[in-house]
Amino acid sequence: MKIIKDIYLGSFDCTICGLGFESRSTFAFDKLSKRISNLLVLGYKENTDCFSYQSNKQMFEQRTENIYEIEDEHVVEALTHSISTELFKATNNFLLDITVMSRHRLATVISFLLHRISKGSTLTITYSLSKFIQPPYGITPVKKVCEIADGFSGTLGDLSLPTSIVIGLGYEKGKALGISNYLDSWRDYVLVPESPISEFEEMVRENNRDLLDSIPPQRVLSYSVSSPYSTYVDLKSLVMSLKEYSRPLLIPLGPKILSALCVILSKEFDLTVPVWRVSSQYLEEPIDRPASGLDITFTLMF
């Protein structure tokens, strides 16, 4: 399994999309609809009356009956039930749209697929960027910190080594600083997203100013949201370096494309590198995020 420089441009033998209330939920599906077959849609039980959820659902219903409105703990069951084992036995091309999936859900789906896709197949992962929407007002509280999905808690490793954390920054005020203070690690590295949505990058820096000012400049790293291959290469190099003298922990806040890359990287390291998620749980208010018209896509070759 490896991430390739070029994006797969052919048709897809199996497609998994997320169904949510954000109006960008169907952007990738609409754009790629002529290349899609064997469509499976994963929806939610909560917020089904919010914003565009029902209209998004109706669009998916025109192509498939395989729509599952479920809790995260039932995702693997839905995947197992809906995707033919024959698709995994042969060489096929899979598409996964993570745009409106929670980090827990996207990690669960990616992990499921990486265990089953056969040699010679491809997995293309796509994420639709939203237009700039103002972040929640005030400091975002941290209510839950845990592994991003089952199996991603990492291993203890050499307990004589200190813990280092790599935090991808989002634009919520105080969330990254809160997790940094909570973990009180030996050394923090932060990843600042360079986004084609310029207002987003500016707000990331503004709302993380206290954390950025507390970290030496050489440990403040930028990554291109639009270049997942380059981000993956740089992140892998960083993790390999950190493993020589510490136990690295990945916390991908910000654009979900980074979460997907961290999950894949952890798999490459046989799950010895933990990936965590940070949640404000019930304090997070639903926000509609319209599609910007930009999508970030990369392909894995098996």
Protein backbone atom coordinates (compact mmCIF):
# COMPACT_ATOMS: atom_id res chain seq x y z
CA MET A 1 0.00 0.00 0.00
CA LYS A 2 1.33 3.43 -0.92
CA ILE A 3 0.04 6.89 -1.72
CA ILE A 4 0.76 7.69 -5.35
CA LYS A 5 1.48 11.10 -6.86
CA ASP A 6 -1.21 10.84 -9.52
CA ILE A 7 -4.94 10.69 -8.75
CA TYR A 8 -6.93 7.80 -10.20
CA LEU A 9 -9.20 9.18 -12.92
CA GLY A 10 -11.21 6.13 -14.00
CA SER A 11 -14.53 4.70 -12.86
CA PHE A 12 -15.16 3.33 -9.37
CA ASP A 13 -16.39 -0.19 -8.64
CA CYS A 14 -17.47 0.72 -5.11
CA THR A 15 -18.21 4.13 -3.59
CA ILE A 16 -18.80 5.11 0.04
CA CYS A 17 -20.22 8.56 0.77
CA GLY A 18 -21.17 10.35 3.94
CA LEU A 19 -24.64 11.84 4.40
CA GLY A 20 -24.88 14.88 6.65
CA PHE A 21 -26.69 18.18 7.11
CA GLU A 22 -24.00 20.32 5.46
CA SER A 23 -24.88 21.45 1.96
CA ARG A 24 -21.44 20.32 0.73
CA SER A 25 -22.38 16.73 1.61
CA THR A 26 -23.24 15.83 -1.98
CA PHE A 27 -20.64 17.92 -3.83
CA ALA A 28 -18.25 15.04 -4.61
CA PHE A 29 -21.11 12.67 -5.38
CA ASP A 30 -22.64 15.11 -7.86
CA LYS A 31 -19.27 15.83 -9.48
CA LEU A 32 -18.28 12.17 -9.84
CA SER A 33 -21.72 10.59 -10.30
CA LYS A 34 -21.02 9.29 -13.83
CA ARG A 35 -17.97 7.38 -12.56
CA ILE A 36 -19.72 5.83 -9.54
CA SER A 37 -21.23 2.37 -9.05
CA ASN A 38 -22.15 0.20 -6.05
CA LEU A 39 -22.93 3.23 -3.91
CA LEU A 40 -23.12 2.95 -0.11
CA VAL A 41 -24.18 5.97 1.97
CA LEU A 42 -23.50 6.37 5.69
CA GLY A 43 -25.80 8.84 7.43
CA TYR A 44 -26.54 9.72 11.04
CA LYS A 45 -29.36 9.43 13.54
CA GLU A 46 -28.82 12.95 14.91
CA ASN A 47 -29.56 16.32 13.28
CA THR A 48 -31.54 14.75 10.45
CA ASP A 49 -33.82 17.80 10.33
CA CYS A 50 -30.95 20.29 10.20
CA PHE A 51 -30.10 22.38 7.15
CA SER A 52 -29.73 20.22 4.01
CA TYR A 53 -29.87 16.70 5.48
CA GLN A 54 -33.18 15.68 3.92
CA SER A 55 -32.47 17.17 0.49
CA ASN A 56 -29.05 15.49 0.50
CA LYS A 57 -30.71 12.20 1.39
CA GLN A 58 -33.17 12.55 -1.48
CA MET A 59 -30.32 13.04 -3.93
CA PHE A 60 -28.62 9.85 -2.75
CA GLU A 61 -31.93 7.95 -2.83
CA GLN A 62 -32.10 8.51 -6.58
CA ARG A 63 -29.04 6.25 -6.96
CA THR A 64 -29.15 3.69 -4.16
CA GLU A 65 -31.19 1.99 -1.47
CA ASN A 66 -28.04 1.35 0.57
CA ILE A 67 -28.43 4.30 2.93
CA TYR A 68 -27.65 3.61 6.57
CA GLU A 69 -28.59 6.20 9.19
CA ILE A 70 -26.66 4.77 12.11
CA GLU A 71 -24.47 5.40 15.12
CA ASP A 72 -20.71 5.10 14.66
CA GLU A 73 -20.56 1.73 16.41
CA HIS A 74 -22.65 0.17 13.62
CA VAL A 75 -20.53 1.41 10.70
CA VAL A 76 -18.48 -1.79 10.32
CA GLU A 77 -21.66 -3.85 10.36
CA ALA A 78 -23.13 -1.74 7.56
CA LEU A 79 -19.96 -1.99 5.49
CA THR A 80 -19.76 -5.74 5.95
CA HIS A 81 -23.41 -6.19 5.01
CA SER A 82 -23.39 -3.93 1.94
CA ILE A 83 -20.04 -4.48 0.22
CA SER A 84 -19.74 -7.81 -1.57
CA THR A 85 -16.72 -9.87 -0.55
CA GLU A 86 -16.14 -10.44 -4.27
CA LEU A 87 -15.19 -6.76 -4.62
CA PHE A 88 -12.37 -7.30 -2.14
CA LYS A 89 -11.16 -10.52 -3.75
CA ALA A 90 -10.66 -8.99 -7.19
CA THR A 91 -8.76 -5.94 -8.44
CA ASN A 92 -11.17 -3.02 -8.09
CA ASN A 93 -11.23 0.73 -7.61
CA PHE A 94 -12.82 2.21 -4.48
CA LEU A 95 -13.89 5.79 -3.71
CA LEU A 96 -14.39 7.21 -0.23
CA ASP A 97 -15.81 10.69 0.38
CA ILE A 98 -14.91 11.76 3.95
CA THR A 99 -16.28 15.32 3.70
CA VAL A 100 -19.04 15.07 6.32
CA MET A 101 -17.83 12.02 8.22
CA SER A 102 -16.75 12.44 11.82
CA ARG A 103 -13.07 11.73 12.46
CA HIS A 104 -14.04 8.55 14.29
CA ARG A 105 -16.16 7.42 11.36
CA LEU A 106 -13.65 8.18 8.61
CA ALA A 107 -10.92 6.39 10.56
CA THR A 108 -13.18 3.36 11.04
CA VAL A 109 -14.04 3.18 7.33
CA ILE A 110 -10.44 3.66 6.17
CA SER A 111 -9.22 0.99 8.58
CA PHE A 112 -11.92 -1.40 7.37
CA LEU A 113 -10.95 -0.90 3.73
CA LEU A 114 -7.18 -1.11 4.27
CA HIS A 115 -7.61 -4.55 5.82
CA ARG A 116 -9.62 -5.91 2.88
CA ILE A 117 -8.73 -4.29 -0.43
CA SER A 118 -6.74 -6.65 -2.63
CA LYS A 119 -3.37 -6.13 -4.31
CA GLY A 120 -3.53 -4.09 -7.50
CA SER A 121 -6.65 -2.20 -6.39
CA THR A 122 -6.91 1.51 -5.65
CA LEU A 123 -8.61 3.57 -2.95
CA THR A 124 -9.29 7.21 -3.75
CA ILE A 125 -10.15 9.49 -0.84
CA THR A 126 -11.78 12.86 -1.48
CA TYR A 127 -12.68 15.83 0.72
CA SER A 128 -14.70 18.88 -0.34
CA LEU A 129 -13.48 22.16 1.11
CA SER A 130 -16.15 24.49 2.41
CA LYS A 131 -16.49 28.18 1.92
CA PHE A 132 -15.15 30.17 4.84
CA ILE A 133 -17.52 30.16 7.79
CA GLN A 134 -16.73 32.03 10.98
CA PRO A 135 -15.61 29.69 13.80
CA PRO A 136 -17.67 29.29 16.99
CA TYR A 137 -17.47 32.33 19.24
CA GLY A 138 -15.16 32.10 22.25
CA ILE A 139 -12.92 29.32 23.51
CA THR A 140 -13.86 25.80 22.38
CA PRO A 141 -13.85 23.48 25.40
CA VAL A 142 -12.23 20.04 25.24
CA LYS A 143 -14.63 17.43 26.65
CA LYS A 144 -13.27 14.18 25.26
CA VAL A 145 -9.80 13.03 24.25
CA CYS A 146 -9.40 9.47 22.97
CA GLU A 147 -8.12 7.30 20.12
CA ILE A 148 -9.58 8.29 16.77
CA ALA A 149 -11.06 4.79 16.33
CA ASP A 150 -10.61 1.28 17.69
CA GLY A 151 -7.03 0.09 17.33
CA PHE A 152 -5.39 3.51 17.13
CA SER A 153 -4.30 3.87 20.76
CA GLY A 154 -0.76 2.88 19.78
CA THR A 155 1.68 0.82 21.82
CA LEU A 156 3.60 1.65 24.97
CA GLY A 157 6.94 1.25 23.25
CA ASP A 158 10.07 2.20 25.12
CA LEU A 159 8.83 3.75 28.37
CA SER A 160 12.20 5.39 28.92
CA LEU A 161 11.43 7.69 25.99
CA PRO A 162 9.37 10.87 26.44
CA THR A 163 6.17 11.59 24.53
CA SER A 164 6.11 14.09 21.68
CA ILE A 165 2.86 15.27 20.14
CA VAL A 166 2.13 16.47 16.63
CA ILE A 167 -0.99 18.66 16.56
CA GLY A 168 -2.70 19.68 13.36
CA LEU A 169 -4.26 23.08 13.98
CA GLY A 170 -7.90 23.93 13.34
CA TYR A 171 -9.48 27.34 13.64
CA GLU A 172 -11.44 26.71 16.87
CA LYS A 173 -10.10 29.00 19.57
CA GLY A 174 -8.36 27.24 22.43
CA LYS A 175 -8.86 23.60 21.33
CA ALA A 176 -5.24 22.90 20.33
CA LEU A 177 -3.90 24.85 23.32
CA GLY A 178 -6.22 22.91 25.61
CA ILE A 179 -5.00 19.52 24.43
CA SER A 180 -1.38 20.70 24.60
CA ASN A 181 -1.83 21.78 28.22
CA TYR A 182 -3.72 18.59 29.06
CA LEU A 183 -1.02 16.27 27.75
CA ASP A 184 1.94 18.36 28.97
CA SER A 185 4.25 16.47 26.62
CA TRP A 186 8.01 16.66 26.39
CA ARG A 187 7.91 18.39 23.02
CA ASP A 188 5.08 19.77 20.85
CA TYR A 189 5.06 20.16 17.09
CA VAL A 190 2.22 22.01 15.40
CA LEU A 191 1.07 21.73 11.80
CA VAL A 192 -0.39 24.90 10.30
CA PRO A 193 -2.65 24.27 7.29
CA GLU A 194 -1.92 26.33 4.20
CA SER A 195 -5.38 26.47 2.69
CA PRO A 196 -6.59 27.75 -0.68
CA ILE A 197 -9.31 29.41 1.42
CA SER A 198 -7.09 32.22 2.67
CA GLU A 199 -9.49 33.41 5.39
CA PHE A 200 -9.28 29.97 7.01
CA GLU A 201 -5.50 30.01 7.31
CA GLU A 202 -5.58 33.54 8.75
CA MET A 203 -8.14 32.51 11.37
CA VAL A 204 -6.11 29.40 12.26
CA ARG A 205 -3.12 31.55 13.10
CA GLU A 206 -5.18 34.15 14.94
CA ASN A 207 -7.07 31.68 17.13
CA ASN A 208 -3.94 29.67 17.94
CA ARG A 209 -1.69 32.65 18.61
CA ASP A 210 -1.04 31.77 22.28
CA LEU A 211 0.07 28.25 21.37
CA LEU A 212 2.13 29.36 18.38
CA ASP A 213 3.93 31.99 20.47
CA SER A 214 4.85 29.38 23.08
CA ILE A 215 6.55 26.98 20.66
CA PRO A 216 9.98 27.50 19.06
CA PRO A 217 9.68 28.46 15.37
CA GLN A 218 11.50 25.30 14.23
CA ARG A 219 8.65 23.21 15.64
CA VAL A 220 5.93 25.20 13.85
CA LEU A 221 5.51 23.48 10.49
CA SER A 222 3.22 24.30 7.58
CA TYR A 223 1.53 21.82 5.29
CA SER A 224 -0.44 22.28 2.10
CA VAL A 225 -4.06 21.19 2.38
CA SER A 226 -4.16 21.00 -1.42
CA SER A 227 -1.16 18.63 -1.67
CA PRO A 228 -1.91 15.50 0.36
CA TYR A 229 0.95 13.54 -1.22
CA SER A 230 3.55 16.12 -0.13
CA THR A 231 1.91 16.38 3.29
CA TYR A 232 2.07 12.60 3.70
CA VAL A 233 5.76 12.47 2.75
CA ASP A 234 6.67 15.29 5.15
CA LEU A 235 4.57 13.87 7.98
CA LYS A 236 6.09 10.40 7.58
CA SER A 237 9.59 11.89 7.66
CA LEU A 238 8.73 13.82 10.84
CA VAL A 239 7.30 10.76 12.58
CA MET A 240 10.30 8.61 11.66
CA SER A 241 12.61 11.26 13.06
CA LEU A 242 10.61 11.63 16.28
CA LYS A 243 10.53 7.87 16.84
CA GLU A 244 14.29 7.86 17.23
CA TYR A 245 14.15 9.72 20.54
CA SER A 246 10.51 9.89 21.64
CA ARG A 247 7.08 8.29 21.40
CA PRO A 248 5.12 10.43 18.89
CA LEU A 249 1.37 10.96 19.18
CA LEU A 250 -0.68 12.41 16.29
CA ILE A 251 -3.65 14.71 16.96
CA PRO A 252 -5.07 15.89 13.61
CA LEU A 253 -7.34 18.85 14.26
CA GLY A 254 -8.30 21.04 11.32
CA PRO A 255 -9.08 19.78 7.78
CA LYS A 256 -10.14 16.13 7.81
CA ILE A 257 -7.77 15.29 4.98
CA LEU A 258 -5.00 15.40 7.61
CA SER A 259 -6.93 12.91 9.78
CA ALA A 260 -7.10 10.51 6.84
CA LEU A 261 -3.36 10.80 6.23
CA CYS A 262 -2.59 10.23 9.93
CA VAL A 263 -4.75 7.09 9.96
CA ILE A 264 -2.96 5.71 6.89
CA LEU A 265 0.44 6.57 8.36
CA SER A 266 -0.40 4.83 11.65
CA LYS A 267 -1.39 1.74 9.66
CA GLU A 268 1.98 1.83 7.91
CA PHE A 269 3.67 1.80 11.29
CA ASP A 270 1.58 -1.24 12.34
CA LEU A 271 -0.53 0.98 14.61
CA THR A 272 2.45 1.67 16.90
CA VAL A 273 1.90 5.43 16.39
CA PRO A 274 -1.33 6.51 18.12
CA VAL A 275 -3.83 8.86 16.51
CA TRP A 276 -6.21 10.73 18.80
CA ARG A 277 -9.28 12.87 18.34
CA VAL A 278 -10.48 15.80 20.43
CA SER A 279 -14.17 16.56 20.86
CA SER A 280 -16.37 19.15 22.51
CA GLN A 281 -19.22 16.60 22.31
CA TYR A 282 -22.69 18.08 22.91
CA LEU A 283 -21.30 21.62 23.11
CA GLU A 284 -20.62 21.65 19.37
CA GLU A 285 -23.44 23.45 17.55
CA PRO A 286 -24.48 22.30 14.05
CA ILE A 287 -23.10 24.63 11.36
CA ASP A 288 -23.85 24.48 7.66
CA ARG A 289 -20.77 24.59 5.47
CA PRO A 290 -21.46 25.16 1.75
CA ALA A 291 -19.06 23.71 -0.81
CA SER A 292 -16.36 26.07 -2.04
CA GLY A 293 -16.10 24.19 -5.32
CA LEU A 294 -12.63 22.91 -4.37
CA ASP A 295 -11.91 19.30 -3.54
CA ILE A 296 -8.80 17.59 -2.16
CA THR A 297 -8.20 14.09 -3.47
CA PHE A 298 -5.49 11.44 -3.27
CA THR A 299 -5.18 7.79 -4.29
CA LEU A 300 -3.72 4.75 -2.56
CA MET A 301 -2.34 1.87 -4.62
CA PHE A 302 -2.37 -1.61 -3.08
